Amino acid sequence: RPLVRSMGQHDPLDGYVSGREIEAAYT
């Protein structure tokens, strides 16, 4: 369950960059 429903200002950006970083490391 969510404890705080609002969204962090840069959370989607952090997720995007982190996902690409991990994806690149997979190679």
mmCIF file of all heavy atoms, coordinates in Angstrom:
data_MODEL
# 
_entry.id   MODEL 
# 
loop_
_atom_site.group_PDB 
_atom_site.id 
_atom_site.type_symbol 
_atom_site.label_atom_id 
_atom_site.label_alt_id 
_atom_site.label_comp_id 
_atom_site.label_asym_id 
_atom_site.label_entity_id 
_atom_site.label_seq_id 
_atom_site.pdbx_PDB_ins_code 
_atom_site.Cartn_x 
_atom_site.Cartn_y 
_atom_site.Cartn_z 
_atom_site.occupancy 
_atom_site.B_iso_or_equiv 
_atom_site.pdbx_formal_charge 
_atom_site.auth_seq_id 
_atom_site.auth_comp_id 
_atom_site.auth_asym_id 
_atom_site.auth_atom_id 
_atom_site.pdbx_PDB_model_num 
ATOM 1   N N   . ARG A 1 1  ? 0.843  -1.201 0.000   1.00 0.00 ? 1  ARG A N   1 
ATOM 2   C CA  . ARG A 1 1  ? 0.000  0.000  0.000   1.00 0.00 ? 1  ARG A CA  1 
ATOM 3   C C   . ARG A 1 1  ? 0.878  1.250  0.000   1.00 0.00 ? 1  ARG A C   1 
ATOM 4   O O   . ARG A 1 1  ? 1.980  1.240  0.561   1.00 0.00 ? 1  ARG A O   1 
ATOM 5   C CB  . ARG A 1 1  ? -0.913 0.012  1.236   1.00 0.00 ? 1  ARG A CB  1 
ATOM 6   C CG  . ARG A 1 1  ? -0.158 -0.046 2.552   1.00 0.00 ? 1  ARG A CG  1 
ATOM 7   C CD  . ARG A 1 1  ? -1.061 -0.328 3.741   1.00 0.00 ? 1  ARG A CD  1 
ATOM 8   N NE  . ARG A 1 1  ? -0.275 -0.588 4.938   1.00 0.00 ? 1  ARG A NE  1 
ATOM 9   C CZ  . ARG A 1 1  ? 0.023  0.342  5.860   1.00 0.00 ? 1  ARG A CZ  1 
ATOM 10  N NH1 . ARG A 1 1  ? -0.399 1.589  5.709   1.00 0.00 ? 1  ARG A NH1 1 
ATOM 11  N NH2 . ARG A 1 1  ? 0.747  0.015  6.917   1.00 0.00 ? 1  ARG A NH2 1 
ATOM 12  N N   . PRO A 1 2  ? 0.393  2.327  -0.606  1.00 0.00 ? 2  PRO A N   1 
ATOM 13  C CA  . PRO A 1 2  ? 1.157  3.580  -0.555  1.00 0.00 ? 2  PRO A CA  1 
ATOM 14  C C   . PRO A 1 2  ? 1.019  4.243  0.801   1.00 0.00 ? 2  PRO A C   1 
ATOM 15  O O   . PRO A 1 2  ? -0.061 4.256  1.396   1.00 0.00 ? 2  PRO A O   1 
ATOM 16  C CB  . PRO A 1 2  ? 0.507  4.429  -1.655  1.00 0.00 ? 2  PRO A CB  1 
ATOM 17  C CG  . PRO A 1 2  ? -0.890 3.897  -1.777  1.00 0.00 ? 2  PRO A CG  1 
ATOM 18  C CD  . PRO A 1 2  ? -0.803 2.433  -1.458  1.00 0.00 ? 2  PRO A CD  1 
ATOM 19  N N   . LEU A 1 3  ? 2.117  4.803  1.295   1.00 0.00 ? 3  LEU A N   1 
ATOM 20  C CA  . LEU A 1 3  ? 2.103  5.576  2.531   1.00 0.00 ? 3  LEU A CA  1 
ATOM 21  C C   . LEU A 1 3  ? 2.041  7.063  2.242   1.00 0.00 ? 3  LEU A C   1 
ATOM 22  O O   . LEU A 1 3  ? 1.488  7.829  3.029   1.00 0.00 ? 3  LEU A O   1 
ATOM 23  C CB  . LEU A 1 3  ? 3.337  5.245  3.375   1.00 0.00 ? 3  LEU A CB  1 
ATOM 24  C CG  . LEU A 1 3  ? 3.417  3.808  3.901   1.00 0.00 ? 3  LEU A CG  1 
ATOM 25  C CD1 . LEU A 1 3  ? 4.738  3.592  4.641   1.00 0.00 ? 3  LEU A CD1 1 
ATOM 26  C CD2 . LEU A 1 3  ? 2.239  3.489  4.816   1.00 0.00 ? 3  LEU A CD2 1 
ATOM 27  N N   . VAL A 1 4  ? 2.647  7.491  1.132   1.00 0.00 ? 4  VAL A N   1 
ATOM 28  C CA  . VAL A 1 4  ? 2.531  8.869  0.654   1.00 0.00 ? 4  VAL A CA  1 
ATOM 29  C C   . VAL A 1 4  ? 2.223  8.789  -0.831  1.00 0.00 ? 4  VAL A C   1 
ATOM 30  O O   . VAL A 1 4  ? 3.025  8.274  -1.609  1.00 0.00 ? 4  VAL A O   1 
ATOM 31  C CB  . VAL A 1 4  ? 3.829  9.671  0.898   1.00 0.00 ? 4  VAL A CB  1 
ATOM 32  C CG1 . VAL A 1 4  ? 3.675  11.102 0.383   1.00 0.00 ? 4  VAL A CG1 1 
ATOM 33  C CG2 . VAL A 1 4  ? 4.193  9.685  2.379   1.00 0.00 ? 4  VAL A CG2 1 
ATOM 34  N N   . ARG A 1 5  ? 1.063  9.310  -1.221  1.00 0.00 ? 5  ARG A N   1 
ATOM 35  C CA  . ARG A 1 5  ? 0.586  9.104  -2.591  1.00 0.00 ? 5  ARG A CA  1 
ATOM 36  C C   . ARG A 1 5  ? 1.167  10.080 -3.609  1.00 0.00 ? 5  ARG A C   1 
ATOM 37  O O   . ARG A 1 5  ? 1.102  9.837  -4.807  1.00 0.00 ? 5  ARG A O   1 
ATOM 38  C CB  . ARG A 1 5  ? -0.948 9.190  -2.624  1.00 0.00 ? 5  ARG A CB  1 
ATOM 39  C CG  . ARG A 1 5  ? -1.616 8.022  -1.906  1.00 0.00 ? 5  ARG A CG  1 
ATOM 40  C CD  . ARG A 1 5  ? -3.129 8.114  -1.950  1.00 0.00 ? 5  ARG A CD  1 
ATOM 41  N NE  . ARG A 1 5  ? -3.739 6.907  -1.388  1.00 0.00 ? 5  ARG A NE  1 
ATOM 42  C CZ  . ARG A 1 5  ? -4.005 5.813  -2.080  1.00 0.00 ? 5  ARG A CZ  1 
ATOM 43  N NH1 . ARG A 1 5  ? -3.750 5.790  -3.400  1.00 0.00 ? 5  ARG A NH1 1 
ATOM 44  N NH2 . ARG A 1 5  ? -4.535 4.756  -1.512  1.00 0.00 ? 5  ARG A NH2 1 
ATOM 45  N N   . SER A 1 6  ? 1.714  11.196 -3.154  1.00 0.00 ? 6  SER A N   1 
ATOM 46  C CA  . SER A 1 6  ? 2.291  12.160 -4.089  1.00 0.00 ? 6  SER A CA  1 
ATOM 47  C C   . SER A 1 6  ? 3.546  11.591 -4.738  1.00 0.00 ? 6  SER A C   1 
ATOM 48  O O   . SER A 1 6  ? 4.093  10.580 -4.285  1.00 0.00 ? 6  SER A O   1 
ATOM 49  C CB  . SER A 1 6  ? 2.622  13.463 -3.370  1.00 0.00 ? 6  SER A CB  1 
ATOM 50  O OG  . SER A 1 6  ? 3.500  13.219 -2.289  1.00 0.00 ? 6  SER A OG  1 
ATOM 51  N N   . MET A 1 7  ? 4.010  12.231 -5.802  1.00 0.00 ? 7  MET A N   1 
ATOM 52  C CA  . MET A 1 7  ? 5.157  11.736 -6.558  1.00 0.00 ? 7  MET A CA  1 
ATOM 53  C C   . MET A 1 7  ? 6.374  12.621 -6.309  1.00 0.00 ? 7  MET A C   1 
ATOM 54  O O   . MET A 1 7  ? 6.263  13.855 -6.331  1.00 0.00 ? 7  MET A O   1 
ATOM 55  C CB  . MET A 1 7  ? 4.834  11.702 -8.059  1.00 0.00 ? 7  MET A CB  1 
ATOM 56  C CG  . MET A 1 7  ? 5.943  11.093 -8.910  1.00 0.00 ? 7  MET A CG  1 
ATOM 57  S SD  . MET A 1 7  ? 5.427  10.787 -10.625 1.00 0.00 ? 7  MET A SD  1 
ATOM 58  C CE  . MET A 1 7  ? 5.465  12.449 -11.297 1.00 0.00 ? 7  MET A CE  1 
ATOM 59  N N   . GLY A 1 8  ? 7.517  12.011 -6.069  1.00 0.00 ? 8  GLY A N   1 
ATOM 60  C CA  . GLY A 1 8  ? 8.750  12.767 -5.948  1.00 0.00 ? 8  GLY A CA  1 
ATOM 61  C C   . GLY A 1 8  ? 9.073  13.471 -7.257  1.00 0.00 ? 8  GLY A C   1 
ATOM 62  O O   . GLY A 1 8  ? 8.872  12.900 -8.332  1.00 0.00 ? 8  GLY A O   1 
ATOM 63  N N   . GLN A 1 9  ? 9.577  14.696 -7.183  1.00 0.00 ? 9  GLN A N   1 
ATOM 64  C CA  . GLN A 1 9  ? 9.757  15.517 -8.377  1.00 0.00 ? 9  GLN A CA  1 
ATOM 65  C C   . GLN A 1 9  ? 10.578 14.820 -9.457  1.00 0.00 ? 9  GLN A C   1 
ATOM 66  O O   . GLN A 1 9  ? 10.257 14.904 -10.634 1.00 0.00 ? 9  GLN A O   1 
ATOM 67  C CB  . GLN A 1 9  ? 10.420 16.854 -8.013  1.00 0.00 ? 9  GLN A CB  1 
ATOM 68  C CG  . GLN A 1 9  ? 10.591 17.781 -9.219  1.00 0.00 ? 9  GLN A CG  1 
ATOM 69  C CD  . GLN A 1 9  ? 11.237 19.103 -8.852  1.00 0.00 ? 9  GLN A CD  1 
ATOM 70  O OE1 . GLN A 1 9  ? 11.613 19.332 -7.700  1.00 0.00 ? 9  GLN A OE1 1 
ATOM 71  N NE2 . GLN A 1 9  ? 11.382 19.984 -9.825  1.00 0.00 ? 9  GLN A NE2 1 
ATOM 72  N N   . HIS A 1 10 ? 11.642 14.137 -9.064  1.00 0.00 ? 10 HIS A N   1 
ATOM 73  C CA  . HIS A 1 10 ? 12.551 13.541 -10.040 1.00 0.00 ? 10 HIS A CA  1 
ATOM 74  C C   . HIS A 1 10 ? 12.562 12.013 -10.003 1.00 0.00 ? 10 HIS A C   1 
ATOM 75  O O   . HIS A 1 10 ? 13.431 11.389 -10.607 1.00 0.00 ? 10 HIS A O   1 
ATOM 76  C CB  . HIS A 1 10 ? 13.971 14.070 -9.819  1.00 0.00 ? 10 HIS A CB  1 
ATOM 77  C CG  . HIS A 1 10 ? 14.102 15.550 -10.019 1.00 0.00 ? 10 HIS A CG  1 
ATOM 78  N ND1 . HIS A 1 10 ? 14.850 16.350 -9.191  1.00 0.00 ? 10 HIS A ND1 1 
ATOM 79  C CD2 . HIS A 1 10 ? 13.554 16.372 -10.946 1.00 0.00 ? 10 HIS A CD2 1 
ATOM 80  C CE1 . HIS A 1 10 ? 14.768 17.601 -9.597  1.00 0.00 ? 10 HIS A CE1 1 
ATOM 81  N NE2 . HIS A 1 10 ? 13.996 17.648 -10.653 1.00 0.00 ? 10 HIS A NE2 1 
ATOM 82  N N   . ASP A 1 11 ? 11.599 11.390 -9.304  1.00 0.00 ? 11 ASP A N   1 
ATOM 83  C CA  . ASP A 1 11 ? 11.600 9.930  -9.188  1.00 0.00 ? 11 ASP A CA  1 
ATOM 84  C C   . ASP A 1 11 ? 11.530 9.226  -10.551 1.00 0.00 ? 11 ASP A C   1 
ATOM 85  O O   . ASP A 1 11 ? 12.281 8.265  -10.795 1.00 0.00 ? 11 ASP A O   1 
ATOM 86  C CB  . ASP A 1 11 ? 10.459 9.454  -8.289  1.00 0.00 ? 11 ASP A CB  1 
ATOM 87  C CG  . ASP A 1 11 ? 10.820 9.549  -6.808  1.00 0.00 ? 11 ASP A CG  1 
ATOM 88  O OD1 . ASP A 1 11 ? 11.922 10.064 -6.508  1.00 0.00 ? 11 ASP A OD1 1 
ATOM 89  O OD2 . ASP A 1 11 ? 10.018 9.120  -5.961  1.00 0.00 ? 11 ASP A OD2 1 
ATOM 90  N N   . PRO A 1 12 ? 10.657 9.653  -11.489 1.00 0.00 ? 12 PRO A N   1 
ATOM 91  C CA  . PRO A 1 12 ? 10.643 8.976  -12.794 1.00 0.00 ? 12 PRO A CA  1 
ATOM 92  C C   . PRO A 1 12 ? 11.972 9.103  -13.531 1.00 0.00 ? 12 PRO A C   1 
ATOM 93  O O   . PRO A 1 12 ? 12.415 8.157  -14.193 1.00 0.00 ? 12 PRO A O   1 
ATOM 94  C CB  . PRO A 1 12 ? 9.519  9.691  -13.550 1.00 0.00 ? 12 PRO A CB  1 
ATOM 95  C CG  . PRO A 1 12 ? 8.628  10.233 -12.486 1.00 0.00 ? 12 PRO A CG  1 
ATOM 96  C CD  . PRO A 1 12 ? 9.559  10.640 -11.382 1.00 0.00 ? 12 PRO A CD  1 
ATOM 97  N N   . LEU A 1 13 ? 12.617 10.269 -13.424 1.00 0.00 ? 13 LEU A N   1 
ATOM 98  C CA  . LEU A 1 13 ? 13.927 10.461 -14.048 1.00 0.00 ? 13 LEU A CA  1 
ATOM 99  C C   . LEU A 1 13 ? 14.946 9.517  -13.436 1.00 0.00 ? 13 LEU A C   1 
ATOM 100 O O   . LEU A 1 13 ? 15.725 8.876  -14.160 1.00 0.00 ? 13 LEU A O   1 
ATOM 101 C CB  . LEU A 1 13 ? 14.380 11.908 -13.885 1.00 0.00 ? 13 LEU A CB  1 
ATOM 102 C CG  . LEU A 1 13 ? 15.812 12.218 -14.340 1.00 0.00 ? 13 LEU A CG  1 
ATOM 103 C CD1 . LEU A 1 13 ? 15.953 12.069 -15.853 1.00 0.00 ? 13 LEU A CD1 1 
ATOM 104 C CD2 . LEU A 1 13 ? 16.222 13.626 -13.898 1.00 0.00 ? 13 LEU A CD2 1 
ATOM 105 N N   . ASP A 1 14 ? 14.949 9.413  -12.104 1.00 0.00 ? 14 ASP A N   1 
ATOM 106 C CA  . ASP A 1 14 ? 15.872 8.489  -11.435 1.00 0.00 ? 14 ASP A CA  1 
ATOM 107 C C   . ASP A 1 14 ? 15.634 7.054  -11.908 1.00 0.00 ? 14 ASP A C   1 
ATOM 108 O O   . ASP A 1 14 ? 16.583 6.290  -12.122 1.00 0.00 ? 14 ASP A O   1 
ATOM 109 C CB  . ASP A 1 14 ? 15.694 8.555  -9.917  1.00 0.00 ? 14 ASP A CB  1 
ATOM 110 C CG  . ASP A 1 14 ? 16.279 9.817  -9.311  1.00 0.00 ? 14 ASP A CG  1 
ATOM 111 O OD1 . ASP A 1 14 ? 17.088 10.477 -9.991  1.00 0.00 ? 14 ASP A OD1 1 
ATOM 112 O OD2 . ASP A 1 14 ? 15.935 10.138 -8.163  1.00 0.00 ? 14 ASP A OD2 1 
ATOM 113 N N   . GLY A 1 15 ? 14.355 6.685  -12.039 1.00 0.00 ? 15 GLY A N   1 
ATOM 114 C CA  . GLY A 1 15 ? 14.041 5.345  -12.508 1.00 0.00 ? 15 GLY A CA  1 
ATOM 115 C C   . GLY A 1 15 ? 14.505 5.108  -13.923 1.00 0.00 ? 15 GLY A C   1 
ATOM 116 O O   . GLY A 1 15 ? 15.042 4.038  -14.258 1.00 0.00 ? 15 GLY A O   1 
ATOM 117 N N   . TYR A 1 16 ? 14.333 6.113  -14.774 1.00 0.00 ? 16 TYR A N   1 
ATOM 118 C CA  . TYR A 1 16 ? 14.734 5.998  -16.182 1.00 0.00 ? 16 TYR A CA  1 
ATOM 119 C C   . TYR A 1 16 ? 16.248 5.835  -16.304 1.00 0.00 ? 16 TYR A C   1 
ATOM 120 O O   . TYR A 1 16 ? 16.726 4.921  -16.992 1.00 0.00 ? 16 TYR A O   1 
ATOM 121 C CB  . TYR A 1 16 ? 14.266 7.232  -16.945 1.00 0.00 ? 16 TYR A CB  1 
ATOM 122 C CG  . TYR A 1 16 ? 14.701 7.260  -18.386 1.00 0.00 ? 16 TYR A CG  1 
ATOM 123 C CD1 . TYR A 1 16 ? 14.091 6.449  -19.332 1.00 0.00 ? 16 TYR A CD1 1 
ATOM 124 C CD2 . TYR A 1 16 ? 15.738 8.092  -18.805 1.00 0.00 ? 16 TYR A CD2 1 
ATOM 125 C CE1 . TYR A 1 16 ? 14.495 6.461  -20.663 1.00 0.00 ? 16 TYR A CE1 1 
ATOM 126 C CE2 . TYR A 1 16 ? 16.148 8.109  -20.127 1.00 0.00 ? 16 TYR A CE2 1 
ATOM 127 C CZ  . TYR A 1 16 ? 15.528 7.295  -21.047 1.00 0.00 ? 16 TYR A CZ  1 
ATOM 128 O OH  . TYR A 1 16 ? 15.935 7.299  -22.361 1.00 0.00 ? 16 TYR A OH  1 
ATOM 129 N N   . VAL A 1 17 ? 16.993 6.702  -15.651 1.00 0.00 ? 17 VAL A N   1 
ATOM 130 C CA  . VAL A 1 17 ? 18.457 6.648  -15.759 1.00 0.00 ? 17 VAL A CA  1 
ATOM 131 C C   . VAL A 1 17 ? 18.995 5.372  -15.119 1.00 0.00 ? 17 VAL A C   1 
ATOM 132 O O   . VAL A 1 17 ? 19.882 4.710  -15.674 1.00 0.00 ? 17 VAL A O   1 
ATOM 133 C CB  . VAL A 1 17 ? 19.089 7.899  -15.121 1.00 0.00 ? 17 VAL A CB  1 
ATOM 134 C CG1 . VAL A 1 17 ? 20.623 7.802  -15.145 1.00 0.00 ? 17 VAL A CG1 1 
ATOM 135 C CG2 . VAL A 1 17 ? 18.638 9.162  -15.842 1.00 0.00 ? 17 VAL A CG2 1 
ATOM 136 N N   . SER A 1 18 ? 18.444 4.990  -13.965 1.00 0.00 ? 18 SER A N   1 
ATOM 137 C CA  . SER A 1 18 ? 18.906 3.770  -13.294 1.00 0.00 ? 18 SER A CA  1 
ATOM 138 C C   . SER A 1 18 ? 18.612 2.538  -14.135 1.00 0.00 ? 18 SER A C   1 
ATOM 139 O O   . SER A 1 18 ? 19.437 1.626  -14.225 1.00 0.00 ? 18 SER A O   1 
ATOM 140 C CB  . SER A 1 18 ? 18.235 3.640  -11.922 1.00 0.00 ? 18 SER A CB  1 
ATOM 141 O OG  . SER A 1 18 ? 18.582 4.717  -11.081 1.00 0.00 ? 18 SER A OG  1 
ATOM 142 N N   . GLY A 1 19 ? 17.429 2.508  -14.771 1.00 0.00 ? 19 GLY A N   1 
ATOM 143 C CA  . GLY A 1 19 ? 17.086 1.377  -15.630 1.00 0.00 ? 19 GLY A CA  1 
ATOM 144 C C   . GLY A 1 19 ? 18.045 1.247  -16.798 1.00 0.00 ? 19 GLY A C   1 
ATOM 145 O O   . GLY A 1 19 ? 18.499 0.141  -17.128 1.00 0.00 ? 19 GLY A O   1 
ATOM 146 N N   . ARG A 1 20 ? 18.369 2.377  -17.421 1.00 0.00 ? 20 ARG A N   1 
ATOM 147 C CA  . ARG A 1 20 ? 19.312 2.333  -18.546 1.00 0.00 ? 20 ARG A CA  1 
ATOM 148 C C   . ARG A 1 20 ? 20.714 1.946  -18.086 1.00 0.00 ? 20 ARG A C   1 
ATOM 149 O O   . ARG A 1 20 ? 21.443 1.241  -18.798 1.00 0.00 ? 20 ARG A O   1 
ATOM 150 C CB  . ARG A 1 20 ? 19.329 3.683  -19.260 1.00 0.00 ? 20 ARG A CB  1 
ATOM 151 C CG  . ARG A 1 20 ? 18.130 3.894  -20.191 1.00 0.00 ? 20 ARG A CG  1 
ATOM 152 C CD  . ARG A 1 20 ? 18.169 5.205  -20.918 1.00 0.00 ? 20 ARG A CD  1 
ATOM 153 N NE  . ARG A 1 20 ? 19.386 5.397  -21.707 1.00 0.00 ? 20 ARG A NE  1 
ATOM 154 C CZ  . ARG A 1 20 ? 19.645 6.506  -22.407 1.00 0.00 ? 20 ARG A CZ  1 
ATOM 155 N NH1 . ARG A 1 20 ? 18.763 7.503  -22.418 1.00 0.00 ? 20 ARG A NH1 1 
ATOM 156 N NH2 . ARG A 1 20 ? 20.761 6.617  -23.087 1.00 0.00 ? 20 ARG A NH2 1 
ATOM 157 N N   . GLU A 1 21 ? 21.105 2.406  -16.898 1.00 0.00 ? 21 GLU A N   1 
ATOM 158 C CA  . GLU A 1 21 ? 22.424 2.041  -16.367 1.00 0.00 ? 21 GLU A CA  1 
ATOM 159 C C   . GLU A 1 21 ? 22.525 0.534  -16.172 1.00 0.00 ? 21 GLU A C   1 
ATOM 160 O O   . GLU A 1 21 ? 23.515 -0.101 -16.570 1.00 0.00 ? 21 GLU A O   1 
ATOM 161 C CB  . GLU A 1 21 ? 22.660 2.762  -15.044 1.00 0.00 ? 21 GLU A CB  1 
ATOM 162 C CG  . GLU A 1 21 ? 23.944 2.358  -14.339 1.00 0.00 ? 21 GLU A CG  1 
ATOM 163 C CD  . GLU A 1 21 ? 24.082 2.957  -12.951 1.00 0.00 ? 21 GLU A CD  1 
ATOM 164 O OE1 . GLU A 1 21 ? 23.428 3.985  -12.666 1.00 0.00 ? 21 GLU A OE1 1 
ATOM 165 O OE2 . GLU A 1 21 ? 24.841 2.386  -12.145 1.00 0.00 ? 21 GLU A OE2 1 
ATOM 166 N N   . ILE A 1 22 ? 21.502 -0.059 -15.540 1.00 0.00 ? 22 ILE A N   1 
ATOM 167 C CA  . ILE A 1 22 ? 21.516 -1.501 -15.290 1.00 0.00 ? 22 ILE A CA  1 
ATOM 168 C C   . ILE A 1 22 ? 21.447 -2.263 -16.610 1.00 0.00 ? 22 ILE A C   1 
ATOM 169 O O   . ILE A 1 22 ? 22.158 -3.260 -16.806 1.00 0.00 ? 22 ILE A O   1 
ATOM 170 C CB  . ILE A 1 22 ? 20.348 -1.883 -14.364 1.00 0.00 ? 22 ILE A CB  1 
ATOM 171 C CG1 . ILE A 1 22 ? 20.544 -1.255 -12.987 1.00 0.00 ? 22 ILE A CG1 1 
ATOM 172 C CG2 . ILE A 1 22 ? 20.223 -3.398 -14.246 1.00 0.00 ? 22 ILE A CG2 1 
ATOM 173 C CD1 . ILE A 1 22 ? 19.323 -1.334 -12.100 1.00 0.00 ? 22 ILE A CD1 1 
ATOM 174 N N   . GLU A 1 23 ? 20.596 -1.808 -17.513 1.00 0.00 ? 23 GLU A N   1 
ATOM 175 C CA  . GLU A 1 23 ? 20.456 -2.456 -18.815 1.00 0.00 ? 23 GLU A CA  1 
ATOM 176 C C   . GLU A 1 23 ? 21.789 -2.470 -19.559 1.00 0.00 ? 23 GLU A C   1 
ATOM 177 O O   . GLU A 1 23 ? 22.169 -3.476 -20.176 1.00 0.00 ? 23 GLU A O   1 
ATOM 178 C CB  . GLU A 1 23 ? 19.398 -1.715 -19.627 1.00 0.00 ? 23 GLU A CB  1 
ATOM 179 C CG  . GLU A 1 23 ? 18.985 -2.379 -20.921 1.00 0.00 ? 23 GLU A CG  1 
ATOM 180 C CD  . GLU A 1 23 ? 17.931 -1.565 -21.642 1.00 0.00 ? 23 GLU A CD  1 
ATOM 181 O OE1 . GLU A 1 23 ? 18.218 -0.398 -22.014 1.00 0.00 ? 23 GLU A OE1 1 
ATOM 182 O OE2 . GLU A 1 23 ? 16.823 -2.074 -21.830 1.00 0.00 ? 23 GLU A OE2 1 
ATOM 183 N N   . ALA A 1 24 ? 22.525 -1.354 -19.496 1.00 0.00 ? 24 ALA A N   1 
ATOM 184 C CA  . ALA A 1 24 ? 23.834 -1.290 -20.148 1.00 0.00 ? 24 ALA A CA  1 
ATOM 185 C C   . ALA A 1 24 ? 24.812 -2.261 -19.497 1.00 0.00 ? 24 ALA A C   1 
ATOM 186 O O   . ALA A 1 24 ? 25.620 -2.908 -20.174 1.00 0.00 ? 24 ALA A O   1 
ATOM 187 C CB  . ALA A 1 24 ? 24.378 0.133  -20.086 1.00 0.00 ? 24 ALA A CB  1 
ATOM 188 N N   . ALA A 1 25 ? 24.736 -2.385 -18.169 1.00 0.00 ? 25 ALA A N   1 
ATOM 189 C CA  . ALA A 1 25 ? 25.645 -3.294 -17.457 1.00 0.00 ? 25 ALA A CA  1 
ATOM 190 C C   . ALA A 1 25 ? 25.350 -4.753 -17.786 1.00 0.00 ? 25 ALA A C   1 
ATOM 191 O O   . ALA A 1 25 ? 26.257 -5.592 -17.732 1.00 0.00 ? 25 ALA A O   1 
ATOM 192 C CB  . ALA A 1 25 ? 25.549 -3.055 -15.954 1.00 0.00 ? 25 ALA A CB  1 
ATOM 193 N N   . TYR A 1 26 ? 24.100 -5.059 -18.117 1.00 0.00 ? 26 TYR A N   1 
ATOM 194 C CA  . TYR A 1 26 ? 23.758 -6.436 -18.500 1.00 0.00 ? 26 TYR A CA  1 
ATOM 195 C C   . TYR A 1 26 ? 24.643 -6.943 -19.637 1.00 0.00 ? 26 TYR A C   1 
ATOM 196 O O   . TYR A 1 26 ? 24.940 -8.142 -19.714 1.00 0.00 ? 26 TYR A O   1 
ATOM 197 C CB  . TYR A 1 26 ? 22.305 -6.504 -18.970 1.00 0.00 ? 26 TYR A CB  1 
ATOM 198 C CG  . TYR A 1 26 ? 21.239 -6.564 -17.889 1.00 0.00 ? 26 TYR A CG  1 
ATOM 199 C CD1 . TYR A 1 26 ? 19.887 -6.477 -18.228 1.00 0.00 ? 26 TYR A CD1 1 
ATOM 200 C CD2 . TYR A 1 26 ? 21.564 -6.715 -16.545 1.00 0.00 ? 26 TYR A CD2 1 
ATOM 201 C CE1 . TYR A 1 26 ? 18.890 -6.536 -17.266 1.00 0.00 ? 26 TYR A CE1 1 
ATOM 202 C CE2 . TYR A 1 26 ? 20.571 -6.763 -15.569 1.00 0.00 ? 26 TYR A CE2 1 
ATOM 203 C CZ  . TYR A 1 26 ? 19.232 -6.670 -15.938 1.00 0.00 ? 26 TYR A CZ  1 
ATOM 204 O OH  . TYR A 1 26 ? 18.240 -6.738 -14.992 1.00 0.00 ? 26 TYR A OH  1 
ATOM 205 N N   . THR A 1 27 ? 25.037 -6.050 -20.532 1.00 0.00 ? 27 THR A N   1 
ATOM 206 C CA  . THR A 1 27 ? 25.810 -6.477 -21.707 1.00 0.00 ? 27 THR A CA  1 
ATOM 207 C C   . THR A 1 27 ? 27.174 -7.039 -21.307 1.00 0.00 ? 27 THR A C   1 
ATOM 208 O O   . THR A 1 27 ? 27.793 -7.764 -22.087 1.00 0.00 ? 27 THR A O   1 
ATOM 209 C CB  . THR A 1 27 ? 26.002 -5.313 -22.684 1.00 0.00 ? 27 THR A CB  1 
ATOM 210 O OG1 . THR A 1 27 ? 26.749 -4.262 -22.048 1.00 0.00 ? 27 THR A OG1 1 
ATOM 211 C CG2 . THR A 1 27 ? 24.653 -4.749 -23.139 1.00 0.00 ? 27 THR A CG2 1 
# 
